[in-house]
C-alpha atoms as a PDB file:
ATOM      1  CA  MET A   1      -2.635 -11.732  23.593  1.00  0.00           C
ATOM      2  CA  LYS A   2      -5.657  -9.486  23.110  1.00  0.00           C
ATOM      3  CA  THR A   3      -5.589  -5.750  22.347  1.00  0.00           C
ATOM      4  CA  VAL A   4      -8.313  -3.236  23.116  1.00  0.00           C
ATOM      5  CA  PHE A   5      -8.210  -0.650  20.306  1.00  0.00           C
ATOM      6  CA  ASP A   6      -5.189  -1.368  18.072  1.00  0.00           C
ATOM      7  CA  PHE A   7      -3.911  -4.262  15.978  1.00  0.00           C
ATOM      8  CA  LEU A   8      -0.645  -5.884  17.017  1.00  0.00           C
ATOM      9  CA  ILE A   9       1.392  -6.626  13.898  1.00  0.00           C
ATOM     10  CA  LYS A  10       4.923  -7.491  12.821  1.00  0.00           C
ATOM     11  CA  PRO A  11       6.617  -6.847   9.455  1.00  0.00           C
ATOM     12  CA  LEU A  12       6.078  -9.606   6.886  1.00  0.00           C
ATOM     13  CA  GLU A  13       9.816  -9.908   6.257  1.00  0.00           C
ATOM     14  CA  LYS A  14      11.747  -6.940   7.630  1.00  0.00           C
ATOM     15  CA  ARG A  15      11.144  -3.282   8.455  1.00  0.00           C
ATOM     16  CA  ASN A  16      12.899  -1.923   5.360  1.00  0.00           C
ATOM     17  CA  ASN A  17      12.639  -3.030   1.812  1.00  0.00           C
ATOM     18  CA  ASN A  18      15.791  -1.442   0.424  1.00  0.00           C
ATOM     19  CA  THR A  19      17.440  -4.410  -1.306  1.00  0.00           C
ATOM     20  CA  LYS A  20      16.924  -5.970  -4.720  1.00  0.00           C
ATOM     21  CA  SER A  21      17.957  -9.449  -5.801  1.00  0.00           C
ATOM     22  CA  ILE A  22      19.871  -9.520  -9.071  1.00  0.00           C
ATOM     23  CA  GLU A  23      20.730 -13.076 -10.038  1.00  0.00           C
ATOM     24  CA  ASP A  24      22.497 -14.426  -6.925  1.00  0.00           C
ATOM     25  CA  LYS A  25      23.533 -11.012  -5.510  1.00  0.00           C
ATOM     26  CA  GLN A  26      21.807  -8.549  -3.174  1.00  0.00           C
ATOM     27  CA  LEU A  27      21.949  -4.884  -4.202  1.00  0.00           C
ATOM     28  CA  ILE A  28      21.301  -2.220  -1.544  1.00  0.00           C
ATOM     29  CA  VAL A  29      19.351   0.553  -3.283  1.00  0.00           C
ATOM     30  CA  ASN A  30      19.001   2.942  -0.353  1.00  0.00           C
ATOM     31  CA  THR A  31      21.001   3.542   2.837  1.00  0.00           C
ATOM     32  CA  GLU A  32      19.301   6.641   4.212  1.00  0.00           C
ATOM     33  CA  MET A  33      16.786   6.269   7.012  1.00  0.00           C
ATOM     34  CA  GLN A  34      14.578   9.266   6.199  1.00  0.00           C
ATOM     35  CA  ASN A  35      13.239   8.053   2.850  1.00  0.00           C
ATOM     36  CA  HIS A  36       9.770   6.538   3.384  1.00  0.00           C
ATOM     37  CA  ASN A  37       9.774   4.897  -0.056  1.00  0.00           C
ATOM     38  CA  TYR A  38      11.976   2.074   1.229  1.00  0.00           C
ATOM     39  CA  VAL A  39       9.999   1.262   4.376  1.00  0.00           C
ATOM     40  CA  SER A  40       8.101  -2.025   4.301  1.00  0.00           C
ATOM     41  CA  ARG A  41       4.326  -1.614   4.196  1.00  0.00           C
ATOM     42  CA  ILE A  42       3.136  -5.188   4.576  1.00  0.00           C
ATOM     43  CA  GLY A  43       2.755  -6.818   7.972  1.00  0.00           C
ATOM     44  CA  VAL A  44       1.248  -9.891   9.613  1.00  0.00           C
ATOM     45  CA  VAL A  45      -1.460  -9.605  12.277  1.00  0.00           C
ATOM     46  CA  LEU A  46      -0.546 -11.033  15.704  1.00  0.00           C
ATOM     47  CA  ALA A  47      -3.591  -9.781  17.651  1.00  0.00           C
ATOM     48  CA  VAL A  48      -6.908  -8.163  16.730  1.00  0.00           C
ATOM     49  CA  PRO A  49      -8.825  -5.532  18.772  1.00  0.00           C
ATOM     50  CA  SER A  50     -11.593  -7.029  20.876  1.00  0.00           C
ATOM     51  CA  GLU A  51     -14.451  -5.307  19.000  1.00  0.00           C
ATOM     52  CA  TYR A  52     -13.330  -5.789  15.380  1.00  0.00           C
ATOM     53  CA  ASN A  53     -14.624  -8.010  12.572  1.00  0.00           C
ATOM     54  CA  GLY A  54     -12.985  -8.793   9.234  1.00  0.00           C
ATOM     55  CA  ILE A  55      -9.238  -9.027   9.747  1.00  0.00           C
ATOM     56  CA  SER A  56      -8.021 -12.130  11.624  1.00  0.00           C
ATOM     57  CA  VAL A  57      -4.804 -13.217  13.315  1.00  0.00           C
ATOM     58  CA  GLY A  58      -2.331 -14.380  10.648  1.00  0.00           C
ATOM     59  CA  ASP A  59      -3.715 -12.172   7.854  1.00  0.00           C
ATOM     60  CA  GLU A  60      -1.291  -9.995   5.894  1.00  0.00           C
ATOM     61  CA  VAL A  61      -2.127  -6.280   6.016  1.00  0.00           C
ATOM     62  CA  ILE A  62      -1.116  -3.180   4.048  1.00  0.00           C
ATOM     63  CA  VAL A  63      -0.167  -0.410   6.473  1.00  0.00           C
ATOM     64  CA  HIS A  64       0.810   3.256   6.507  1.00  0.00           C
ATOM     65  CA  HIS A  65       4.446   3.926   5.591  1.00  0.00           C
ATOM     66  CA  ASN A  66       5.266   5.337   9.056  1.00  0.00           C
ATOM     67  CA  VAL A  67       4.330   2.195  11.000  1.00  0.00           C
ATOM     68  CA  PHE A  68       7.667   0.346  10.638  1.00  0.00           C
ATOM     69  CA  ARG A  69       9.708   3.487  10.043  1.00  0.00           C
ATOM     70  CA  ARG A  70      12.782   4.605  11.991  1.00  0.00           C
ATOM     71  CA  TYR A  71      13.780   8.254  11.965  1.00  0.00           C
ATOM     72  CA  ARG A  72      16.099  10.779  13.585  1.00  0.00           C
ATOM     73  CA  ASP A  73      14.649  13.303  15.992  1.00  0.00           C
ATOM     74  CA  ILE A  74      15.600  16.988  16.152  1.00  0.00           C
ATOM     75  CA  ARG A  75      18.788  16.118  18.075  1.00  0.00           C
ATOM     76  CA  GLY A  76      19.837  13.424  15.585  1.00  0.00           C
ATOM     77  CA  LYS A  77      18.939  10.516  17.864  1.00  0.00           C
ATOM     78  CA  GLU A  78      17.582   7.438  16.088  1.00  0.00           C
ATOM     79  CA  LYS A  79      14.025   6.526  17.136  1.00  0.00           C
ATOM     80  CA  ASN A  80      11.238   4.101  16.307  1.00  0.00           C
ATOM     81  CA  SER A  81       7.829   5.228  15.102  1.00  0.00           C
ATOM     82  CA  ARG A  82       5.082   5.839  17.651  1.00  0.00           C
ATOM     83  CA  SER A  83       3.594   2.460  16.642  1.00  0.00           C
ATOM     84  CA  TYR A  84       6.580   0.514  17.992  1.00  0.00           C
ATOM     85  CA  TYR A  85       5.621  -1.754  20.892  1.00  0.00           C
ATOM     86  CA  ASN A  86       8.616  -4.041  21.464  1.00  0.00           C
ATOM     87  CA  ASP A  87      10.700  -6.762  19.868  1.00  0.00           C
ATOM     88  CA  ASN A  88       9.625  -6.120  16.259  1.00  0.00           C
ATOM     89  CA  MET A  89       5.939  -5.773  17.194  1.00  0.00           C
ATOM     90  CA  PHE A  90       3.834  -2.700  16.465  1.00  0.00           C
ATOM     91  CA  LEU A  91       0.473  -1.378  17.675  1.00  0.00           C
ATOM     92  CA  VAL A  92      -1.451  -0.075  14.684  1.00  0.00           C
ATOM     93  CA  SER A  93      -4.767   1.777  14.750  1.00  0.00           C
ATOM     94  CA  PRO A  94      -7.447   0.563  12.292  1.00  0.00           C
ATOM     95  CA  ASP A  95      -7.209   3.783  10.229  1.00  0.00           C
ATOM     96  CA  GLN A  96      -3.560   2.950   9.385  1.00  0.00           C
ATOM     97  CA  ILE A  97      -4.546  -0.326   7.696  1.00  0.00           C
ATOM     98  CA  TYR A  98      -5.639  -0.011   4.059  1.00  0.00           C
ATOM     99  CA  GLY A  99      -6.133  -3.614   2.984  1.00  0.00           C
ATOM    100  CA  TYR A 100      -5.717  -7.214   4.034  1.00  0.00           C
ATOM    101  CA  LYS A 101      -5.166 -10.612   2.461  1.00  0.00           C
ATOM    102  CA  LYS A 102      -7.650 -13.358   3.227  1.00  0.00           C
ATOM    103  CA  ASN A 103      -7.693 -16.744   1.439  1.00  0.00           C
ATOM    104  CA  LYS A 104      -4.920 -15.529  -0.925  1.00  0.00           C
ATOM    105  CA  LYS A 105      -7.038 -12.550  -2.077  1.00  0.00           C
ATOM    106  CA  TRP A 106      -6.403  -8.897  -1.239  1.00  0.00           C
ATOM    107  CA  ILE A 107      -9.379  -6.959   0.112  1.00  0.00           C
ATOM    108  CA  ALA A 108      -9.495  -3.161   0.469  1.00  0.00           C
ATOM    109  CA  CYS A 109     -10.517  -1.807   3.870  1.00  0.00           C
ATOM    110  CA  LYS A 110     -13.506   0.477   4.270  1.00  0.00           C
ATOM    111  CA  GLY A 111     -12.822   3.909   2.813  1.00  0.00           C
ATOM    112  CA  TYR A 112      -9.931   2.843   0.540  1.00  0.00           C
ATOM    113  CA  ASN A 113      -9.420   1.466  -2.969  1.00  0.00           C
ATOM    114  CA  PHE A 114      -6.397   0.357  -4.971  1.00  0.00           C
ATOM    115  CA  VAL A 115      -6.114   1.595  -8.553  1.00  0.00           C
ATOM    116  CA  LYS A 116      -3.725   0.303 -11.234  1.00  0.00           C
ATOM    117  CA  PRO A 117      -2.252   3.107 -13.386  1.00  0.00           C
ATOM    118  CA  ILE A 118      -2.517   2.928 -17.176  1.00  0.00           C
ATOM    119  CA  LYS A 119       0.081   3.867 -19.790  1.00  0.00           C
ATOM    120  CA  GLU A 120       0.098   7.337 -21.295  1.00  0.00           C
ATOM    121  CA  ASN A 121      -0.564   7.003 -25.033  1.00  0.00           C
ATOM    122  CA  LYS A 122      -0.002  10.606 -26.159  1.00  0.00           C
ATOM    123  CA  MET A 123       2.897  10.657 -28.564  1.00  0.00           C
ATOM    124  CA  PHE A 124       4.748  13.678 -27.162  1.00  0.00           C
ATOM    125  CA  SER A 125       4.044  13.206 -23.463  1.00  0.00           C
ATOM    126  CA  ILE A 126       6.994  12.782 -21.104  1.00  0.00           C
ATOM    127  CA  ASP A 127       4.824  10.917 -18.569  1.00  0.00           C
ATOM    128  CA  PHE A 128       4.760   7.136 -18.395  1.00  0.00           C
ATOM    129  CA  GLU A 129       1.229   6.934 -17.020  1.00  0.00           C
ATOM    130  CA  LYS A 130      -1.977   8.894 -17.406  1.00  0.00           C
ATOM    131  CA  PRO A 131      -2.551  11.181 -14.442  1.00  0.00           C
ATOM    132  CA  CYS A 132      -5.573  10.639 -12.191  1.00  0.00           C
ATOM    133  CA  ILE A 133      -6.976   7.649 -14.075  1.00  0.00           C
ATOM    134  CA  GLY A 134      -6.600   3.905 -13.655  1.00  0.00           C
ATOM    135  CA  ILE A 135      -8.193   0.488 -13.372  1.00  0.00           C
ATOM    136  CA  LEU A 136      -9.905  -0.308 -10.094  1.00  0.00           C
ATOM    137  CA  ARG A 137      -8.057  -3.375  -8.782  1.00  0.00           C
ATOM    138  CA  TYR A 138      -9.312  -3.761  -5.171  1.00  0.00           C
ATOM    139  CA  LYS A 139     -12.408  -1.839  -4.135  1.00  0.00           C
ATOM    140  CA  ASP A 140     -14.120  -0.619  -0.995  1.00  0.00           C
ATOM    141  CA  ASN A 141     -17.386  -2.576  -0.635  1.00  0.00           C
ATOM    142  CA  ASP A 142     -19.233   0.653   0.212  1.00  0.00           C
ATOM    143  CA  LEU A 143     -18.363   2.141  -3.201  1.00  0.00           C
ATOM    144  CA  LEU A 144     -21.522   1.053  -5.026  1.00  0.00           C
ATOM    145  CA  GLU A 145     -21.437   2.661  -8.470  1.00  0.00           C
ATOM    146  CA  VAL A 146     -18.265   0.912  -9.699  1.00  0.00           C
ATOM    147  CA  LYS A 147     -16.824  -2.594  -9.673  1.00  0.00           C
ATOM    148  CA  GLU A 148     -13.336  -4.076  -9.794  1.00  0.00           C
ATOM    149  CA  GLY A 149     -11.946  -3.772 -13.320  1.00  0.00           C
ATOM    150  CA  ASP A 150     -13.698  -0.458 -14.065  1.00  0.00           C
ATOM    151  CA  LEU A 151     -11.742   2.501 -15.416  1.00  0.00           C
ATOM    152  CA  VAL A 152     -11.999   5.308 -12.858  1.00  0.00           C
ATOM    153  CA  GLY A 153     -10.775   8.856 -12.360  1.00  0.00           C
ATOM    154  CA  PHE A 154      -9.755  10.442  -9.065  1.00  0.00           C
ATOM    155  CA  LYS A 155      -8.757  13.853  -7.706  1.00  0.00           C
ATOM    156  CA  PRO A 156      -5.121  14.919  -8.203  1.00  0.00           C
ATOM    157  CA  GLY A 157      -2.794  14.380  -5.255  1.00  0.00           C
ATOM    158  CA  MET A 158      -5.061  11.786  -3.647  1.00  0.00           C
ATOM    159  CA  GLU A 159      -3.125   8.720  -4.808  1.00  0.00           C
ATOM    160  CA  TYR A 160      -0.393   7.081  -2.740  1.00  0.00           C
ATOM    161  CA  GLU A 161       1.893   4.449  -4.255  1.00  0.00           C
ATOM    162  CA  PHE A 162       2.107   0.853  -2.997  1.00  0.00           C
ATOM    163  CA  ILE A 163       3.749  -2.251  -4.440  1.00  0.00           C
ATOM    164  CA  ILE A 164       1.483  -5.250  -3.870  1.00  0.00           C
ATOM    165  CA  GLN A 165       2.552  -8.649  -5.225  1.00  0.00           C
ATOM    166  CA  GLY A 166       4.966  -7.039  -7.694  1.00  0.00           C
ATOM    167  CA  GLU A 167       2.334  -4.628  -8.978  1.00  0.00           C
ATOM    168  CA  LYS A 168       2.354  -0.834  -8.659  1.00  0.00           C
ATOM    169  CA  LEU A 169      -1.002   0.332  -7.294  1.00  0.00           C
ATOM    170  CA  TYR A 170      -2.290   3.623  -5.939  1.00  0.00           C
ATOM    171  CA  ARG A 171      -4.273   3.743  -2.705  1.00  0.00           C
ATOM    172  CA  VAL A 172      -7.134   6.159  -3.324  1.00  0.00           C
ATOM    173  CA  PRO A 173      -9.733   7.088  -0.677  1.00  0.00           C
ATOM    174  CA  SER A 174     -13.292   6.202  -1.718  1.00  0.00           C
ATOM    175  CA  ASN A 175     -14.502   9.803  -1.491  1.00  0.00           C
ATOM    176  CA  GLN A 176     -11.776  10.890  -3.958  1.00  0.00           C
ATOM    177  CA  ILE A 177     -12.917   8.658  -6.837  1.00  0.00           C
ATOM    178  CA  THR A 178     -14.847  11.083  -8.994  1.00  0.00           C
ATOM    179  CA  ILE A 179     -15.833   9.390 -12.262  1.00  0.00           C
ATOM    180  CA  LYS A 180     -16.238   6.081 -14.052  1.00  0.00           C
ATOM    181  CA  TYR A 181     -14.921   6.106 -17.635  1.00  0.00           C
ATOM    182  CA  GLU A 182     -15.865   3.874 -20.530  1.00  0.00           C
ATOM    183  CA  TYR A 183     -13.014   1.881 -22.048  1.00  0.00           C
ATOM    184  CA  GLN A 184     -11.830   3.209 -25.423  1.00  0.00           C
ATOM    185  CA  GLY A 185      -9.898   0.057 -26.328  1.00  0.00           C
ATOM    186  CA  ASP A 186      -6.393   1.543 -26.224  1.00  0.00           C
ATOM    187  CA  GLU A 187      -5.903   1.395 -22.432  1.00  0.00           C
ATOM    188  CA  GLU A 188      -2.916  -0.616 -21.244  1.00  0.00           C
ATOM    189  CA  GLU A 189      -1.893  -1.262 -17.645  1.00  0.00           C
ATOM    190  CA  TYR A 190       1.346   0.371 -16.541  1.00  0.00           C
ATOM    191  CA  ASN A 191       3.664  -1.596 -14.285  1.00  0.00           C
ATOM    192  CA  PRO A 192       7.319  -0.461 -14.220  1.00  0.00           C
ATOM    193  CA  SER A 193       9.972  -3.194 -14.301  1.00  0.00           C
ATOM    194  CA  TRP A 194      11.334  -2.178 -10.889  1.00  0.00           C
ATOM    195  CA  ALA A 195       7.968  -2.973  -9.250  1.00  0.00           C
ATOM    196  CA  LYS A 196       8.155  -6.609 -10.337  1.00  0.00           C
ATOM    197  CA  SER A 197      11.354  -7.159  -8.337  1.00  0.00           C
ATOM    198  CA  CYS A 198       9.865  -5.859  -5.051  1.00  0.00           C
END
């Protein structure tokens, strides 16, 4: 099957990711449909647009949270997202894909980066992580002044949370990364325990 403009993808495992394994039991952590935090965001590519280079059939991709989402319309009727094609397959435009996995390595798509938060080290802070600062984990190749592993700052409200391989990362657009910091020696990555079980 060949598509013209959109990718054809399916969820990696299932459309929702609302269960946690605890020893030999499954715990359902969310039963409401409206909460986007429990929608799966990783899919597998079934077909690639005819004029596209980079992502191939079989690659895993990180997608927008509304791709696999189900919701209720204004009348309370349950519906699929506009990306739904049929039989657990979805048509996804290239701007809804933020990264892909090739040869067991994640690669950020053009215009996007993934930043790992760092722990807040102020004694009286109630926050677990420093706001608007983190370690660049996967980078947009067009972002020339920084490299993966650099400590970067970004504009507030521009980060969006993803769990990738048990690691909490923020997707940050390339044009929202504002500064490269020098390491002070006390920086420590922040990864909450709940992210490791995803």
